[in-house]
Amino acid sequence: MISPLIKKINRKSAKVCVIGLGYVGLPLAIEFAKSGFVVTGIEVDKVKVKKLRQGQSYVDDVDGQEVEGLVRKGRLQATTDFRLLKQMDTVSICVPTPLRKTKDPDISYILAATREIKKHLHKNQLIVLESTTYPGTTDELVLPELEENGLKVGRDFFLAFSPERVDPGNKIYTTKNTPKVIGGVTPQCTEIAVALYQQAIEKVIPVNSTRSAEMVKLLENTFRAINIGLANEVAIMCDRLGINVWEVIDAAATKPFGFMPFYPGPGLGGHCIPIDPLYLSWKLKALNYNARFIELASEINTSMPYHVVNKVVDALNHQKKSANGSKILILGVAYKKDVEDVRESPALDIIELLKEKGAEVSYSDPHVPVLMLENGKSLTSVDLFFKSSSSAFSRVSPRTSEEFDCIIIVTDHSNFDYDAVVNQGKLVVDTRNATRHVQRGQAKIIRL
């Protein structure tokens, strides 16, 4: 027998809801709306709701014209009112899952969303958790909460987990063409969740349980974190040996089998790779198992800002200058190339470490006009080395490249003019190998 909910999904008459309209939830809501559903987005940030109602996008990877068109057609609506959940047939939870300062998982946003859903849970409703979390969260925390009102999973309502796989700034792989993994609490939960996501996503991959689906995301990002940790350690080794690590990796990458290149950098950033492996590590500690690879990779990756600052201090010393009192420019403070997201960015640590040494630190970033620091103070982007300028940016008074004792390339945005960096700077510490194609210039270049 075909479930009544699957019939509504196939007819595109199901009312779809996405809770959390950030860089994961908004693209998902857009894809559901584009596929023919009427989508309601619930977001606690009133500013985001206001912008969406006006047809504006605040996420780099979401086209504002698409948002405007979908809002105008009535396909996409945004609200702060959780009471609308009682009208919804499907609910996808896309809320943040940060780490606490103690490196324990903070699942308070998941629990808050679940409790709101519980108030309005009804028969033939599908709930899908997308927020990255440790294996067991859906079964152990979300399910008991939803069943408290007497409804039974797999019979009255349906529950599944589907890990988000968003890669901000990626122009090739988007929400629509990135395969979607789905695992339900019961086989029918999986079947209904697959039926929904197949309407909007090109390829859907079912797995046997929510725990398997939760583990998939953690494996993906743990794989990256560990291999980046290895690349970072190799960079430190090569530095001690006087070898160009970039040349070594590029040469190794010519092997057509058995090797996948990962590159070193100033540290890990973003909401996924630095955090997700620690969710897995935390869960395994409760099972009396020490995830040694994860812990070691985390230790190496979090030490990289210190390595960068040491390189800067040594480079300044060779020029008979002290870090104390030196004027230093950070190029790029976003956590990765061509995005505006600064969460967990290694630039934040590098800035704080340099300030502790008495340096006068400025930054330039075409995607981040204002940077909030941990102490509550802020810095404003300096308009230097941009290939093009944007009037939307409010920047400090004009500065010249000659006044900086050192320029540190932390994030290799496409909009930086690296020829100008090398030709106008005095000393450049390049943590991304961004200046590799610059033929000549006056600056002394120190690579990671």
Protein backbone atom coordinates (compact mmCIF):
# COMPACT_ATOMS: atom_id res chain seq x y z
CA MET A 1 0.00 0.00 0.00
CA ILE A 2 1.33 3.43 -0.94
CA SER A 3 1.45 5.78 2.02
CA PRO A 4 -0.95 8.74 1.84
CA LEU A 5 2.06 10.98 2.50
CA ILE A 6 3.98 9.54 -0.47
CA LYS A 7 0.93 10.23 -2.65
CA LYS A 8 0.95 13.88 -1.54
CA ILE A 9 4.70 14.08 -2.13
CA ASN A 10 4.40 12.64 -5.63
CA ARG A 11 1.58 15.07 -6.45
CA LYS A 12 3.70 17.95 -5.04
CA SER A 13 0.76 18.83 -2.80
CA ALA A 14 2.69 18.10 0.43
CA LYS A 15 3.45 21.19 2.46
CA VAL A 16 7.22 21.29 3.00
CA CYS A 17 8.94 23.04 5.88
CA VAL A 18 12.62 23.77 6.55
CA ILE A 19 13.68 24.87 10.03
CA GLY A 20 16.84 26.98 9.94
CA LEU A 21 17.45 29.09 6.84
CA GLY A 22 21.23 29.37 6.88
CA TYR A 23 23.78 28.17 4.34
CA VAL A 24 22.28 24.64 4.51
CA GLY A 25 18.57 25.27 5.01
CA LEU A 26 18.03 28.06 2.50
CA PRO A 27 19.52 26.23 -0.53
CA LEU A 28 17.47 23.15 0.43
CA ALA A 29 14.28 25.21 0.70
CA ILE A 30 15.04 26.76 -2.70
CA GLU A 31 15.44 23.33 -4.34
CA PHE A 32 12.18 22.05 -2.86
CA ALA A 33 10.39 25.20 -4.05
CA LYS A 34 11.92 24.98 -7.55
CA SER A 35 10.76 21.36 -7.82
CA GLY A 36 7.13 22.44 -7.33
CA PHE A 37 6.43 22.39 -3.60
CA VAL A 38 5.12 25.26 -1.53
CA VAL A 39 7.86 25.68 1.08
CA THR A 40 7.70 27.38 4.46
CA GLY A 41 10.98 28.31 6.07
CA ILE A 42 11.05 28.83 9.82
CA GLU A 43 13.91 30.97 11.09
CA VAL A 44 14.44 32.62 14.49
CA ASP A 45 16.54 35.42 12.97
CA LYS A 46 14.02 38.16 12.16
CA VAL A 47 16.47 39.95 9.86
CA LYS A 48 16.78 36.87 7.63
CA VAL A 49 13.01 36.45 7.55
CA LYS A 50 12.54 40.08 6.56
CA LYS A 51 15.08 39.80 3.75
CA LEU A 52 13.49 36.63 2.37
CA ARG A 53 10.03 38.17 2.44
CA GLN A 54 11.49 41.02 0.39
CA GLY A 55 12.93 38.50 -2.07
CA GLN A 56 16.54 39.00 -1.01
CA SER A 57 19.25 36.39 -0.53
CA TYR A 58 21.84 36.62 2.26
CA VAL A 59 23.66 33.39 1.32
CA ASP A 60 26.43 33.65 -1.29
CA ASP A 61 25.46 30.45 -3.08
CA VAL A 62 21.78 31.39 -3.42
CA ASP A 63 20.77 33.63 -6.34
CA GLY A 64 18.75 36.62 -5.19
CA GLN A 65 16.71 36.58 -8.41
CA GLU A 66 15.69 32.98 -7.73
CA VAL A 67 14.59 33.92 -4.23
CA GLU A 68 12.61 36.89 -5.53
CA GLY A 69 10.88 34.77 -8.18
CA LEU A 70 9.92 31.99 -5.78
CA VAL A 71 8.62 34.45 -3.18
CA ARG A 72 6.62 36.31 -5.83
CA LYS A 73 5.05 33.04 -7.07
CA GLY A 74 4.15 32.03 -3.50
CA ARG A 75 6.44 29.00 -3.60
CA LEU A 76 8.67 30.21 -0.76
CA GLN A 77 7.63 31.92 2.45
CA ALA A 78 9.55 32.68 5.62
CA THR A 79 8.34 33.06 9.18
CA THR A 80 9.41 33.00 12.82
CA ASP A 81 6.14 31.33 13.85
CA PHE A 82 6.59 27.68 14.81
CA ARG A 83 2.81 27.24 15.10
CA LEU A 84 2.73 26.77 11.32
CA LEU A 85 4.32 23.35 11.90
CA LYS A 86 0.88 21.89 12.53
CA GLN A 87 0.03 22.55 8.86
CA MET A 88 3.22 20.97 7.50
CA ASP A 89 3.51 17.48 5.99
CA THR A 90 7.33 17.34 6.02
CA VAL A 91 9.87 19.11 8.23
CA SER A 92 13.62 19.25 7.58
CA ILE A 93 15.75 20.41 10.51
CA CYS A 94 18.81 22.41 9.39
CA VAL A 95 19.98 24.13 12.57
CA PRO A 96 23.59 24.68 13.76
CA THR A 97 25.47 22.12 15.87
CA PRO A 98 28.54 23.91 17.25
CA LEU A 99 31.04 22.70 19.82
CA ARG A 100 31.15 24.10 23.31
CA LYS A 101 34.42 25.59 24.55
CA THR A 102 35.00 22.24 26.29
CA LYS A 103 34.79 20.57 22.81
CA ASP A 104 31.57 18.81 23.78
CA PRO A 105 28.72 18.75 21.22
CA ASP A 106 26.16 21.53 21.59
CA ILE A 107 22.91 19.99 20.40
CA SER A 108 20.71 22.59 22.08
CA TYR A 109 19.50 23.90 18.69
CA ILE A 110 18.43 20.39 17.62
CA LEU A 111 16.58 19.86 20.91
CA ALA A 112 14.90 23.27 20.69
CA ALA A 113 13.66 22.54 17.16
CA THR A 114 12.51 19.04 18.17
CA ARG A 115 10.49 20.40 21.10
CA GLU A 116 8.76 22.89 18.81
CA ILE A 117 7.93 20.09 16.37
CA LYS A 118 6.61 17.92 19.23
CA LYS A 119 4.04 20.59 20.09
CA HIS A 120 2.53 20.32 16.62
CA LEU A 121 3.39 16.75 15.57
CA HIS A 122 0.55 15.00 13.79
CA LYS A 123 -0.14 11.77 11.92
CA ASN A 124 1.44 11.24 8.50
CA GLN A 125 4.15 13.81 9.13
CA LEU A 126 7.79 13.28 8.07
CA ILE A 127 10.64 14.71 10.16
CA VAL A 128 14.18 14.71 8.72
CA LEU A 129 17.19 15.84 10.75
CA GLU A 130 20.00 17.26 8.59
CA SER A 131 22.16 18.92 11.24
CA THR A 132 25.53 17.20 11.64
CA THR A 133 25.73 15.31 14.91
CA TYR A 134 27.11 12.17 16.55
CA PRO A 135 25.77 8.68 15.71
CA GLY A 136 22.74 7.92 17.84
CA THR A 137 21.33 11.45 18.13
CA THR A 138 18.22 10.77 16.04
CA ASP A 139 17.37 7.51 17.81
CA GLU A 140 18.42 8.45 21.32
CA LEU A 141 17.31 12.09 21.60
CA VAL A 142 14.96 13.15 18.82
CA LEU A 143 12.82 9.99 18.65
CA PRO A 144 11.96 9.70 22.40
CA GLU A 145 11.02 13.39 22.45
CA LEU A 146 8.65 13.02 19.48
CA GLU A 147 7.03 9.84 20.82
CA GLU A 148 6.17 11.40 24.18
CA ASN A 149 2.72 12.44 22.95
CA GLY A 150 1.76 8.86 22.16
CA LEU A 151 2.38 8.83 18.40
CA LYS A 152 4.43 5.88 17.14
CA VAL A 153 7.30 6.21 14.67
CA GLY A 154 6.85 4.23 11.45
CA ARG A 155 3.10 4.07 11.99
CA ASP A 156 1.86 7.55 12.92
CA PHE A 157 4.82 9.71 11.91
CA PHE A 158 8.13 9.15 10.15
CA LEU A 159 11.67 10.09 11.18
CA ALA A 160 14.94 10.01 9.25
CA PHE A 161 18.42 11.50 9.16
CA SER A 162 20.03 12.95 6.02
CA PRO A 163 23.43 14.62 6.43
CA GLU A 164 23.90 17.97 4.73
CA ARG A 165 26.72 18.02 2.21
CA VAL A 166 26.95 21.72 1.42
CA ASP A 167 30.30 23.04 0.18
CA PRO A 168 30.11 26.86 0.30
CA GLY A 169 31.59 28.52 -2.76
CA ASN A 170 31.53 25.35 -4.86
CA LYS A 171 30.18 26.29 -8.31
CA ILE A 172 30.13 22.70 -9.61
CA TYR A 173 28.48 20.68 -6.83
CA THR A 174 25.36 22.26 -5.39
CA THR A 175 22.53 21.04 -3.18
CA LYS A 176 20.72 19.68 -6.24
CA ASN A 177 23.49 17.61 -7.83
CA THR A 178 25.27 16.41 -4.68
CA PRO A 179 24.04 12.87 -3.83
CA LYS A 180 21.86 12.74 -0.71
CA VAL A 181 22.26 9.99 1.89
CA ILE A 182 19.14 9.09 3.87
CA GLY A 183 18.57 6.65 6.73
CA GLY A 184 15.24 6.21 8.48
CA VAL A 185 14.32 4.84 11.89
CA THR A 186 12.19 2.20 10.10
CA PRO A 187 12.17 1.01 6.48
CA GLN A 188 8.99 2.98 5.79
CA CYS A 189 10.60 6.11 7.28
CA THR A 190 13.45 5.68 4.80
CA GLU A 191 11.05 5.07 1.92
CA ILE A 192 9.04 8.23 2.58
CA ALA A 193 12.12 10.42 3.14
CA VAL A 194 13.64 9.10 -0.11
CA ALA A 195 10.37 9.87 -1.92
CA LEU A 196 10.53 13.48 -0.71
CA TYR A 197 14.17 14.20 -1.48
CA GLN A 198 14.01 12.51 -4.88
CA GLN A 199 11.69 15.29 -5.95
CA ALA A 200 14.42 17.92 -5.50
CA ILE A 201 17.80 16.12 -5.48
CA GLU A 202 19.24 14.34 -8.53
CA LYS A 203 20.49 11.25 -6.67
CA VAL A 204 19.36 9.84 -3.32
CA ILE A 205 21.19 7.02 -1.55
CA PRO A 206 19.30 5.11 1.16
CA VAL A 207 21.16 3.42 4.02
CA ASN A 208 19.85 1.01 6.64
CA SER A 209 19.64 3.25 9.70
CA THR A 210 19.85 6.78 11.03
CA ARG A 211 23.13 5.85 12.75
CA SER A 212 24.69 4.85 9.43
CA ALA A 213 23.56 8.13 7.85
CA GLU A 214 24.94 10.10 10.80
CA MET A 215 28.25 8.25 10.55
CA VAL A 216 28.55 8.94 6.81
CA LYS A 217 28.93 12.68 7.35
CA LEU A 218 31.41 12.24 10.17
CA LEU A 219 33.52 9.85 8.09
CA GLU A 220 33.59 12.31 5.17
CA ASN A 221 34.86 15.19 7.25
CA THR A 222 37.11 13.07 9.46
CA PHE A 223 38.78 11.80 6.27
CA ARG A 224 39.47 15.38 5.22
CA ALA A 225 40.59 16.55 8.66
CA ILE A 226 43.07 13.70 9.08
CA ASN A 227 44.53 14.05 5.60
CA ILE A 228 44.85 17.81 5.96
CA GLY A 229 46.54 17.15 9.31
CA LEU A 230 49.00 14.88 7.54
CA ALA A 231 49.67 17.55 4.89
CA ASN A 232 50.22 20.13 7.63
CA GLU A 233 52.68 17.87 9.45
CA VAL A 234 54.51 17.19 6.18
CA ALA A 235 54.71 20.97 5.67
CA ILE A 236 56.38 21.36 9.07
CA MET A 237 58.76 18.49 8.25
CA CYS A 238 59.66 20.02 4.89
CA ASP A 239 60.22 23.39 6.55
CA ARG A 240 62.76 21.79 8.90
CA LEU A 241 64.39 19.97 5.98
CA GLY A 242 64.53 23.02 3.71
CA ILE A 243 62.22 21.42 1.12
CA ASN A 244 59.36 23.09 -0.80
CA VAL A 245 56.29 21.17 0.42
CA TRP A 246 54.13 22.43 -2.47
CA GLU A 247 56.56 21.01 -5.01
CA VAL A 248 56.60 17.69 -3.16
CA ILE A 249 52.81 17.37 -3.08
CA ASP A 250 52.36 18.40 -6.71
CA ALA A 251 55.00 15.90 -7.80
CA ALA A 252 53.41 13.13 -5.73
CA ALA A 253 50.02 13.96 -7.26
CA THR A 254 51.32 12.95 -10.69
CA LYS A 255 51.05 9.32 -9.58
CA PRO A 256 47.87 8.08 -11.29
CA PHE A 257 46.91 5.69 -8.49
CA GLY A 258 47.21 5.31 -4.73
CA PHE A 259 47.63 9.02 -3.93
CA MET A 260 45.16 11.87 -3.40
CA PRO A 261 46.63 15.34 -2.89
CA PHE A 262 45.74 17.33 0.22
CA TYR A 263 47.37 20.67 0.86
CA PRO A 264 48.65 22.37 4.01
CA GLY A 265 47.38 25.69 5.24
CA PRO A 266 47.20 28.06 8.20
CA GLY A 267 44.68 25.85 10.01
CA LEU A 268 41.17 24.48 9.58
CA GLY A 269 38.08 26.66 9.47
CA GLY A 270 34.37 26.52 8.80
CA HIS A 271 31.57 24.81 10.61
CA CYS A 272 32.29 21.24 9.48
CA ILE A 273 35.84 19.95 9.11
CA PRO A 274 37.29 21.31 12.39
CA ILE A 275 34.18 20.31 14.37
CA ASP A 276 32.56 17.16 12.98
CA PRO A 277 35.42 14.73 13.77
CA LEU A 278 35.32 15.89 17.38
CA TYR A 279 31.65 14.90 17.57
CA LEU A 280 32.71 11.36 16.71
CA SER A 281 35.64 11.46 19.11
CA TRP A 282 33.36 12.69 21.93
CA LYS A 283 30.84 9.88 21.31
CA LEU A 284 33.54 7.21 21.33
CA LYS A 285 34.97 8.45 24.63
CA ALA A 286 31.61 7.54 26.16
CA LEU A 287 32.24 4.03 24.82
CA ASN A 288 35.73 3.93 26.37
CA TYR A 289 37.51 4.26 23.03
CA ASN A 290 40.10 6.89 22.16
CA ALA A 291 39.92 8.04 18.53
CA ARG A 292 43.67 8.58 18.21
CA PHE A 293 43.82 9.66 14.56
CA ILE A 294 41.13 12.28 15.14
CA GLU A 295 42.76 13.66 18.28
CA LEU A 296 46.21 13.83 16.68
CA ALA A 297 44.93 15.49 13.49
CA SER A 298 43.03 18.04 15.58
CA GLU A 299 46.17 18.78 17.60
CA ILE A 300 48.25 19.35 14.45
CA ASN A 301 45.61 21.41 12.65
CA THR A 302 44.91 23.68 15.62
CA SER A 303 48.65 24.30 16.03
CA MET A 304 49.07 25.70 12.52
CA PRO A 305 48.23 29.34 13.40
CA TYR A 306 51.12 29.19 15.90
CA HIS A 307 53.38 27.81 13.16
CA VAL A 308 52.36 30.69 10.86
CA VAL A 309 53.03 33.32 13.52
CA ASN A 310 56.43 31.77 14.26
CA LYS A 311 57.26 32.02 10.55
CA VAL A 312 56.29 35.69 10.62
CA VAL A 313 58.37 36.41 13.72
CA ASP A 314 61.42 34.64 12.24
CA ALA A 315 61.01 36.45 8.92
CA LEU A 316 60.82 39.83 10.67
CA ASN A 317 63.86 38.96 12.79
CA HIS A 318 65.86 38.26 9.63
CA GLN A 319 65.05 41.82 8.60
CA LYS A 320 66.15 43.09 12.00
CA LYS A 321 62.59 43.89 13.06
CA SER A 322 60.51 42.82 16.02
CA ALA A 323 56.92 41.65 15.82
CA ASN A 324 56.26 44.15 18.60
CA GLY A 325 55.36 47.38 16.83
CA SER A 326 55.39 45.90 13.32
CA LYS A 327 52.50 46.70 11.00
CA ILE A 328 51.08 43.48 9.58
CA LEU A 329 48.38 43.01 6.95
CA ILE A 330 46.33 39.80 6.83
CA LEU A 331 45.07 38.98 3.33
CA GLY A 332 41.83 37.03 3.68
CA VAL A 333 40.02 36.29 6.94
CA ALA A 334 37.22 34.01 5.65
CA TYR A 335 37.79 30.34 6.45
CA LYS A 336 38.06 29.35 2.77
CA LYS A 337 38.49 30.82 -0.69
CA ASP A 338 35.75 33.06 -2.12
CA VAL A 339 33.27 32.83 0.77
CA GLU A 340 32.24 35.31 3.46
CA ASP A 341 32.05 32.82 6.35
CA VAL A 342 34.62 33.43 9.12
CA ARG A 343 33.47 30.71 11.53
CA GLU A 344 36.45 28.89 13.05
CA SER A 345 38.73 30.73 10.60
CA PRO A 346 42.45 30.35 11.42
CA ALA A 347 42.79 34.06 10.62
CA LEU A 348 41.08 34.84 13.93
CA ASP A 349 43.75 32.96 15.89
CA ILE A 350 46.58 34.45 13.82
CA ILE A 351 45.30 37.97 14.47
CA GLU A 352 45.02 37.38 18.22
CA LEU A 353 48.48 35.78 18.44
CA LEU A 354 50.07 38.69 16.56
CA LYS A 355 48.28 41.22 18.75
CA GLU A 356 49.59 39.42 21.83
CA LYS A 357 53.08 39.97 20.46
CA GLY A 358 52.42 43.69 20.12
CA ALA A 359 51.90 43.83 16.36
CA GLU A 360 49.58 46.35 14.75
CA VAL A 361 47.27 44.12 12.67
CA SER A 362 45.02 45.11 9.76
CA TYR A 363 43.25 42.93 7.24
CA SER A 364 41.95 43.01 3.68
CA ASP A 365 39.11 40.78 2.50
CA PRO A 366 36.69 41.49 -0.38
CA HIS A 367 34.05 39.23 1.21
CA VAL A 368 34.25 40.39 4.84
CA PRO A 369 33.82 44.15 5.31
CA VAL A 370 33.83 44.01 9.12
CA LEU A 371 35.42 41.36 11.35
CA MET A 372 34.25 40.84 14.91
CA LEU A 373 36.98 39.71 17.32
CA GLU A 374 36.56 37.55 20.42
CA ASN A 375 37.08 40.53 22.73
CA GLY A 376 34.02 42.23 21.25
CA LYS A 377 36.04 44.73 19.24
CA SER A 378 35.98 44.87 15.45
CA LEU A 379 38.29 45.52 12.52
CA THR A 380 37.32 46.99 9.16
CA SER A 381 38.69 45.72 5.88
CA VAL A 382 41.42 47.77 4.22
CA ASP A 383 40.88 48.35 0.50
CA LEU A 384 44.18 46.91 -0.70
CA PHE A 385 45.13 44.40 -3.40
CA PHE A 386 41.57 43.95 -4.67
CA LYS A 387 41.21 43.37 -8.41
CA SER A 388 37.88 45.18 -8.18
CA SER A 389 36.15 47.14 -5.45
CA SER A 390 32.57 47.02 -4.17
CA SER A 391 30.75 50.14 -3.02
CA ALA A 392 28.85 47.95 -0.54
CA PHE A 393 31.98 47.81 1.62
CA SER A 394 32.59 50.42 4.28
CA ARG A 395 36.34 50.51 4.80
CA VAL A 396 38.83 52.44 6.87
CA SER A 397 40.75 55.39 5.48
CA PRO A 398 43.07 54.54 2.56
CA ARG A 399 46.26 52.70 3.43
CA THR A 400 49.29 52.05 1.27
CA SER A 401 51.05 48.73 0.85
CA GLU A 402 54.43 50.30 1.67
CA GLU A 403 53.48 50.96 5.29
CA PHE A 404 53.16 47.27 6.15
CA ASP A 405 56.21 45.39 7.40
CA CYS A 406 54.68 42.04 6.53
CA ILE A 407 51.74 40.72 4.49
CA ILE A 408 50.32 37.28 5.41
CA ILE A 409 48.23 35.46 2.81
CA VAL A 410 45.80 33.47 4.93
CA THR A 411 42.88 33.01 2.51
CA ASP A 412 43.60 32.89 -1.23
CA HIS A 413 40.54 34.71 -2.59
CA SER A 414 40.31 34.93 -6.37
CA ASN A 415 39.81 38.69 -6.16
CA PHE A 416 43.29 39.38 -4.76
CA ASP A 417 45.94 40.73 -7.10
CA TYR A 418 48.93 38.59 -6.13
CA ASP A 419 51.23 40.30 -8.63
CA ALA A 420 50.58 43.56 -6.80
CA VAL A 421 51.14 41.85 -3.44
CA VAL A 422 54.61 40.67 -4.48
CA ASN A 423 55.54 43.86 -6.35
CA GLN A 424 54.40 46.30 -3.66
CA GLY A 425 55.00 44.36 -0.45
CA LYS A 426 58.24 44.14 1.49
CA LEU A 427 57.78 40.74 3.12
CA VAL A 428 55.11 38.17 2.25
CA VAL A 429 54.32 35.03 4.25
CA ASP A 430 52.28 32.86 1.89
CA THR A 431 50.35 30.08 3.66
CA ARG A 432 48.40 29.02 0.55
CA ASN A 433 51.05 29.02 -2.20
CA ALA A 434 48.97 31.75 -3.84
CA THR A 435 52.04 33.55 -5.23
CA ARG A 436 53.46 30.50 -7.00
CA HIS A 437 52.78 31.92 -10.48
CA VAL A 438 54.18 35.39 -9.76
CA GLN A 439 57.41 35.65 -11.73
CA ARG A 440 59.24 38.36 -9.85
CA GLY A 441 58.77 41.22 -7.40
CA GLN A 442 60.47 43.20 -4.69
CA ALA A 443 58.95 41.29 -1.77
CA LYS A 444 60.75 38.50 0.00
CA ILE A 445 58.38 35.53 -0.05
CA ILE A 446 58.27 33.01 2.79
CA ARG A 447 56.12 29.96 2.13
CA LEU A 448 54.47 27.72 4.70
